[in-house]
């Protein structure tokens, strides 16, 4: 009897003898010394090498995205898990909590989907302001809100302010999806008084690089991982009370603990035995 083999094809990599392959590229002959970490991340997700100027803009994006306050809940979770002494589980826990969350990489993926839909509906960046407003208001009426807009507690997203300069300096601010994002932002601002955040801006940049929304979500995860590393490493080594809050910080305001009937019976029996022993001793 011939047992069929399970052949799972892959284009990712091949282990050679003196040279290895990664997505068809020679690891030592083509990638080492020539490709950046951002470029390798993009190659891993997109399956093709991006031009150097695109990889450089990914580096800019990773830096601009760095909002790593430990009070942000996925990062806080990373520190809590790290408090138990292991870095990798902390990394996994924090990054896993971003899946389908309203913050983090999922927001970029959904912002990309929204831009794709609006770009296809508008058809061209020469659409009149009235046409853009009509399309955006119809989208908001259907979906209730738009991903990539709004910045809690402040009037504008300071990350976008910095990233917008990088996009302009690298002459990527006249490409189709970036122009659509600009037009849509004006209409959303008028309709909801909401400013764009870095989510919709980076989504536009990555769409102009030819990425799909799914690829955008995965790539943004990789561009944000340094923040999780920071808290996973520090959380393991720092003295922390995250595993157990010291009793001095706890002030219980509830009812007194209840005693079970059996415990009451046992306590009464012990009291009688002590009383009887004391009487006998006297």
Foldseek 3Di string as FASTA:
>chain_A
DDDDDDDDDDQAWDDDDPWIDGLRDTCVPPPVPHPDPLQVLLCNLVSDGFPPLLSVLLVLLLVLPPPQPCVPPLNVQLLLVLLVADQPVSLCSSLVVPVVDLDFLVLLLQLLVVLVVLCVVQVFLVRDLVVLLVSLVVVCVVVVDHRQWADPPDLAAVSCVSSVVSCVVSPNCPARSNSSLVSNQVNCCVVPVIHGYVSNVVSSSVVSSVDHSVSSSSSRSVSHSVSSSVSSVCSNPDDDCSNDPDPVVDDDDDDDDDDDPVRVVVVVVVVVVVVVVVVVVD
